Amino acid sequence: MVDKEYALIPTQIAEEMLRTFWEIRNSGMLTSGRVDSIYGRLPTAPQDELLVRNVSGVEIPRYGCLQIVATHELGDRNILDVDVPSDTTGASGGFVFASHEVIPAGSIGVAQPSRIVRAIKQTGTATAGTRWKPIPGFFTISTGVDGPFTMAGDDLIATNCVRIIVDERGTSSLGDTLERFIMRSSWVGGSALATFTNLSEPSIPASGGIVEDPLGIFFDILGPWNEGLSIRTRYGRHYVIQARCDQTDIPPDEPIGSCQVYDESTGLVCYQTTEAICDFLNGSYGGDGTSCP
């Protein structure tokens, strides 16, 4: 007896099989798995899916939030280098999300190509329409009024898994954010070191950065340890908009020293700052009590 090479399938069943196949394929589940080295076999992925290389130094979990830090070619494919998020706005690079398989450190994997993606929440209730954002240093997301993601709802495929809509370009599409800042240095070329507190979400820890006054309007009013209000743009720039009158200097949290910081436009620049902020700026700290030339 000869084995049958073909079998007849009713049209209705065949259509249902095809529909199921395309649903699974479009969800990203039809990937070939991990590779042991970036020089090994690339994952088999349709051309509309995103190949990413894990440069974070740790394993990326399923549906992890990733920040794009570079792009390069390997073979005939374009590959995105991704790291753990370093900001919440996309100022350092747009965001993508890992697909259904973990990506070991240094390996190449697949990210979800759609703007509607799965993600893993850290905290919060997945209320449709609310804004969410990355958590710097983690692959999870949390609630945030100025975040670049819009919540769609829970997804039962994994614990704490949700569906979100990523803003176009993977960065925040909302307006600017009002902040309170404290000066940590004198003005140098229209910029100064400062720490910032988000007035919309005061529970977020204060962060260090550069406050700007391009026209020099506040040069005579604001000095080290004075405070005011600033606007953080969606691109991560901080601009002074208001200063407190009759301010009393606030004692520094740490001894002030000098910090050599590289500036592309002027070369090395010396700031009066603290060691913590010097570390934040990746500068060379001169030591407590030292001063700039």
Protein backbone atom coordinates (compact mmCIF):
# COMPACT_ATOMS: atom_id res chain seq x y z
CA MET A 1 0.00 0.00 0.00
CA VAL A 2 1.40 3.38 -1.09
CA ASP A 3 1.47 6.23 1.43
CA LYS A 4 -0.62 9.21 0.45
CA GLU A 5 1.44 12.28 -0.53
CA TYR A 6 -1.49 14.66 -0.26
CA ALA A 7 -4.56 15.02 1.92
CA LEU A 8 -7.71 16.99 1.23
CA ILE A 9 -8.55 19.60 3.87
CA PRO A 10 -11.92 21.35 3.88
CA THR A 11 -11.68 25.00 2.80
CA GLN A 12 -12.99 26.33 6.13
CA ILE A 13 -10.34 24.42 8.13
CA ALA A 14 -7.56 25.44 5.72
CA GLU A 15 -8.51 29.11 6.05
CA GLU A 16 -8.54 28.81 9.85
CA MET A 17 -5.09 27.17 9.80
CA LEU A 18 -3.68 29.98 7.66
CA ARG A 19 -5.27 32.63 9.85
CA THR A 20 -3.78 31.03 12.98
CA PHE A 21 -0.36 30.79 11.35
CA TRP A 22 -0.30 34.48 10.43
CA GLU A 23 -1.45 35.51 13.89
CA ILE A 24 1.41 33.54 15.47
CA ARG A 25 3.93 34.85 12.93
CA ASN A 26 2.90 38.47 13.36
CA SER A 27 3.17 38.17 17.15
CA GLY A 28 6.89 37.43 16.78
CA MET A 29 6.75 33.91 18.20
CA LEU A 30 8.22 32.26 15.10
CA THR A 31 11.86 33.05 15.82
CA SER A 32 14.69 30.54 15.79
CA GLY A 33 16.04 31.23 19.24
CA ARG A 34 19.27 32.49 20.69
CA VAL A 35 22.81 32.41 19.37
CA ASP A 36 25.94 31.89 21.42
CA SER A 37 28.02 34.58 19.74
CA ILE A 38 27.44 37.70 17.68
CA TYR A 39 29.51 35.99 15.00
CA GLY A 40 27.35 32.88 15.04
CA ARG A 41 24.19 32.11 13.12
CA LEU A 42 21.74 34.99 13.06
CA PRO A 43 18.20 34.33 14.27
CA THR A 44 15.86 33.54 11.42
CA ALA A 45 13.61 36.58 11.33
CA PRO A 46 11.30 38.01 8.67
CA GLN A 47 12.66 41.17 7.05
CA ASP A 48 10.17 43.39 8.91
CA GLU A 49 11.45 42.23 12.33
CA LEU A 50 14.27 43.92 14.21
CA LEU A 51 17.57 42.21 14.88
CA VAL A 52 19.27 43.56 18.01
CA ARG A 53 22.61 42.93 19.69
CA ASN A 54 22.69 42.90 23.48
CA VAL A 55 25.51 45.21 24.64
CA SER A 56 24.18 45.62 28.19
CA GLY A 57 26.51 43.00 29.69
CA VAL A 58 23.58 41.08 31.20
CA GLU A 59 20.83 38.83 29.89
CA ILE A 60 17.84 40.67 28.45
CA PRO A 61 14.53 39.14 29.61
CA ARG A 62 11.53 38.47 27.41
CA TYR A 63 9.65 41.69 26.54
CA GLY A 64 12.37 43.80 28.16
CA CYS A 65 12.50 47.54 27.46
CA LEU A 66 15.67 48.37 25.50
CA GLN A 67 17.34 51.61 24.44
CA ILE A 68 19.02 51.85 21.03
CA VAL A 69 22.62 53.05 21.38
CA ALA A 70 24.10 52.27 17.94
CA THR A 71 23.48 50.50 14.65
CA HIS A 72 25.74 48.50 12.36
CA GLU A 73 25.69 45.91 9.60
CA LEU A 74 26.48 42.23 10.04
CA GLY A 75 26.31 40.30 6.82
CA ASP A 76 23.38 41.61 4.83
CA ARG A 77 21.35 42.65 7.87
CA ASN A 78 21.14 45.91 9.77
CA ILE A 79 21.46 45.31 13.53
CA LEU A 80 20.65 47.63 16.42
CA ASP A 81 22.89 47.70 19.49
CA VAL A 82 20.64 47.87 22.56
CA ASP A 83 21.34 48.51 26.23
CA VAL A 84 19.39 48.86 29.46
CA PRO A 85 17.57 52.25 29.38
CA SER A 86 19.53 55.22 30.74
CA ASP A 87 16.75 57.82 30.60
CA THR A 88 12.95 58.06 30.48
CA THR A 89 12.52 60.40 27.49
CA GLY A 90 14.49 58.77 24.70
CA ALA A 91 17.11 61.54 24.73
CA SER A 92 19.89 58.93 24.55
CA GLY A 93 18.14 56.78 21.93
CA GLY A 94 14.73 55.42 21.02
CA PHE A 95 13.16 52.43 22.73
CA VAL A 96 12.34 48.95 21.43
CA PHE A 97 11.18 45.82 23.25
CA ALA A 98 12.58 42.30 23.23
CA SER A 99 10.46 39.59 21.67
CA HIS A 100 9.46 36.18 23.09
CA GLU A 101 12.96 34.88 23.91
CA VAL A 102 15.70 36.06 26.25
CA ILE A 103 18.84 37.55 24.68
CA PRO A 104 22.10 36.55 26.39
CA ALA A 105 24.81 39.18 26.88
CA GLY A 106 26.72 39.81 23.65
CA SER A 107 24.26 37.80 21.56
CA ILE A 108 21.90 38.76 18.78
CA GLY A 109 18.16 38.40 19.18
CA VAL A 110 14.87 39.76 17.93
CA ALA A 111 12.87 42.81 19.02
CA GLN A 112 9.19 43.41 18.43
CA PRO A 113 8.73 45.45 15.23
CA SER A 114 5.31 46.93 15.96
CA ARG A 115 4.45 50.13 17.86
CA ILE A 116 1.97 48.02 19.86
CA VAL A 117 4.22 45.74 21.90
CA ARG A 118 4.42 43.57 24.99
CA ALA A 119 6.32 44.91 27.99
CA ILE A 120 6.89 43.95 31.63
CA LYS A 121 5.66 46.41 34.26
CA GLN A 122 7.53 46.98 37.50
CA THR A 123 4.68 48.60 39.44
CA GLY A 124 1.31 50.19 38.78
CA THR A 125 -2.08 49.20 37.42
CA ALA A 126 -2.38 48.73 33.66
CA THR A 127 -5.13 51.30 33.07
CA ALA A 128 -5.76 51.93 29.39
CA GLY A 129 -4.79 55.41 28.24
CA THR A 130 -2.34 56.16 31.08
CA ARG A 131 1.24 57.15 30.37
CA TRP A 132 4.18 54.85 31.19
CA LYS A 133 7.94 55.17 30.95
CA PRO A 134 11.18 53.18 31.19
CA ILE A 135 13.00 52.79 34.50
CA PRO A 136 16.68 53.76 34.06
CA GLY A 137 18.88 50.79 34.89
CA PHE A 138 16.06 48.24 34.46
CA PHE A 139 14.29 46.42 31.62
CA THR A 140 10.84 47.09 33.11
CA ILE A 141 8.46 50.06 32.87
CA SER A 142 6.38 52.04 35.36
CA THR A 143 3.76 54.80 35.36
CA GLY A 144 4.90 58.30 34.42
CA VAL A 145 2.89 61.29 33.20
CA ASP A 146 5.67 62.35 30.82
CA GLY A 147 6.50 58.84 29.60
CA PRO A 148 6.81 57.85 25.92
CA PHE A 149 4.36 54.90 26.16
CA THR A 150 0.55 54.69 26.29
CA MET A 151 -0.94 51.75 28.18
CA ALA A 152 -3.33 49.44 26.32
CA GLY A 153 -3.93 46.89 29.10
CA ASP A 154 -2.82 43.61 30.64
CA ASP A 155 -1.52 40.68 28.60
CA LEU A 156 -1.87 37.19 30.06
CA ILE A 157 1.10 35.68 28.21
CA ALA A 158 3.45 36.25 31.19
CA THR A 159 3.48 37.60 34.75
CA ASN A 160 3.20 41.42 34.87
CA CYS A 161 3.08 41.48 31.07
CA VAL A 162 1.18 44.39 29.50
CA ARG A 163 0.49 45.79 26.06
CA ILE A 164 1.63 49.35 25.36
CA ILE A 165 1.77 51.73 22.41
CA VAL A 166 5.20 53.23 21.79
CA ASP A 167 5.19 56.85 20.68
CA GLU A 168 6.51 57.48 17.20
CA ARG A 169 10.36 57.28 17.15
CA GLY A 170 10.25 55.67 20.60
CA THR A 171 10.57 59.01 22.40
CA SER A 172 8.21 61.15 24.42
CA SER A 173 5.59 63.02 22.37
CA LEU A 174 4.37 65.04 25.33
CA GLY A 175 5.25 68.63 26.12
CA ASP A 176 7.90 69.98 28.44
CA THR A 177 8.24 69.14 32.14
CA LEU A 178 8.36 71.67 34.99
CA GLU A 179 11.22 71.13 37.45
CA ARG A 180 12.74 72.66 40.56
CA PHE A 181 16.51 72.91 40.41
CA ILE A 182 19.37 73.72 42.78
CA MET A 183 22.56 75.18 41.33
CA ARG A 184 25.71 73.16 42.02
CA SER A 185 28.27 75.37 40.28
CA SER A 186 28.85 78.83 38.85
CA TRP A 187 27.84 79.71 35.29
CA VAL A 188 30.27 78.67 32.54
CA GLY A 189 29.34 79.76 29.03
CA GLY A 190 25.60 79.83 29.70
CA SER A 191 25.53 76.48 31.52
CA ALA A 192 25.83 75.33 35.12
CA LEU A 193 25.63 72.09 37.06
CA ALA A 194 22.40 71.49 38.94
CA THR A 195 20.18 68.85 40.49
CA PHE A 196 16.56 68.62 39.33
CA THR A 197 13.30 67.50 40.93
CA ASN A 198 10.30 66.69 38.72
CA LEU A 199 7.39 68.72 40.13
CA SER A 200 4.85 66.50 38.35
CA GLU A 201 6.26 63.41 40.08
CA PRO A 202 8.11 64.53 43.24
CA SER A 203 8.56 60.91 44.33
CA ILE A 204 11.17 60.45 41.60
CA PRO A 205 14.69 60.86 43.05
CA ALA A 206 16.49 64.08 42.14
CA SER A 207 18.89 63.79 39.22
CA GLY A 208 21.98 65.72 38.19
CA GLY A 209 22.54 67.51 34.93
CA ILE A 210 23.19 70.81 33.15
CA VAL A 211 20.87 73.82 33.48
CA GLU A 212 21.07 76.39 30.68
CA ASP A 213 20.54 80.15 30.39
CA PRO A 214 21.59 80.96 26.80
CA LEU A 215 20.90 84.72 27.13
CA GLY A 216 22.49 85.13 30.55
CA ILE A 217 19.31 86.57 32.08
CA PHE A 218 19.86 84.88 35.45
CA PHE A 219 23.66 85.15 35.68
CA ASP A 220 23.56 87.86 38.37
CA ILE A 221 20.73 86.21 40.31
CA LEU A 222 21.62 82.54 40.46
CA GLY A 223 24.83 81.14 41.90
CA PRO A 224 25.93 77.92 43.61
CA TRP A 225 23.26 76.49 45.95
CA ASN A 226 20.54 78.91 44.74
CA GLU A 227 17.31 77.47 43.37
CA GLY A 228 14.65 78.17 40.78
CA LEU A 229 12.32 76.63 38.23
CA SER A 230 13.34 75.13 34.92
CA ILE A 231 11.73 73.46 31.94
CA ARG A 232 13.00 70.10 30.75
CA THR A 233 12.30 69.67 27.06
CA ARG A 234 11.31 66.35 25.53
CA TYR A 235 14.92 66.10 24.32
CA GLY A 236 16.36 66.28 27.84
CA ARG A 237 17.55 69.92 27.89
CA HIS A 238 16.97 72.03 31.03
CA TYR A 239 16.27 75.79 30.69
CA VAL A 240 15.89 78.32 33.53
CA ILE A 241 12.52 80.11 33.58
CA GLN A 242 12.35 81.53 37.12
CA ALA A 243 14.61 82.25 40.10
CA ARG A 244 13.77 82.80 43.75
CA CYS A 245 14.34 86.31 45.09
CA ASP A 246 16.41 87.08 48.22
CA GLN A 247 17.86 83.59 48.41
CA THR A 248 20.06 82.36 51.21
CA ASP A 249 22.95 80.18 50.17
CA ILE A 250 22.43 76.51 50.97
CA PRO A 251 25.46 74.73 52.47
CA PRO A 252 26.82 72.11 50.07
CA ASP A 253 26.15 68.45 50.74
CA GLU A 254 29.81 67.68 50.03
CA PRO A 255 33.05 69.70 49.97
CA ILE A 256 33.42 71.61 46.71
CA GLY A 257 36.34 70.84 44.42
CA SER A 258 37.35 71.24 40.81
CA CYS A 259 36.21 68.95 38.00
CA GLN A 260 37.82 68.76 34.58
CA VAL A 261 35.07 68.02 32.05
CA TYR A 262 35.59 67.63 28.30
CA ASP A 263 33.48 69.98 26.20
CA GLU A 264 33.49 69.43 22.41
CA SER A 265 33.23 73.15 21.64
CA THR A 266 35.82 74.51 24.07
CA GLY A 267 37.98 71.55 25.06
CA LEU A 268 38.49 70.81 28.74
CA VAL A 269 36.36 72.95 31.05
CA CYS A 270 36.86 73.29 34.79
CA TYR A 271 33.77 73.41 37.03
CA GLN A 272 33.46 74.05 40.74
CA THR A 273 31.43 71.04 41.83
CA THR A 274 31.15 68.05 44.14
CA GLU A 275 32.67 64.64 43.57
CA ALA A 276 29.25 63.05 43.03
CA ILE A 277 28.32 65.45 40.24
CA CYS A 278 31.81 65.17 38.75
CA ASP A 279 31.28 61.41 38.55
CA PHE A 280 27.88 62.05 36.94
CA LEU A 281 29.60 64.12 34.24
CA ASN A 282 32.38 61.54 33.76
CA GLY A 283 34.91 64.19 34.70
CA SER A 284 38.25 64.10 36.52
CA TYR A 285 37.77 65.28 40.10
CA GLY A 286 40.56 67.44 41.47
CA GLY A 287 39.80 66.77 45.12
CA ASP A 288 38.00 68.52 47.97
CA GLY A 289 38.89 72.16 48.39
CA THR A 290 40.60 72.53 45.01
CA SER A 291 39.66 75.39 42.73
CA CYS A 292 39.65 76.14 39.03
CA PRO A 293 42.49 78.24 37.53
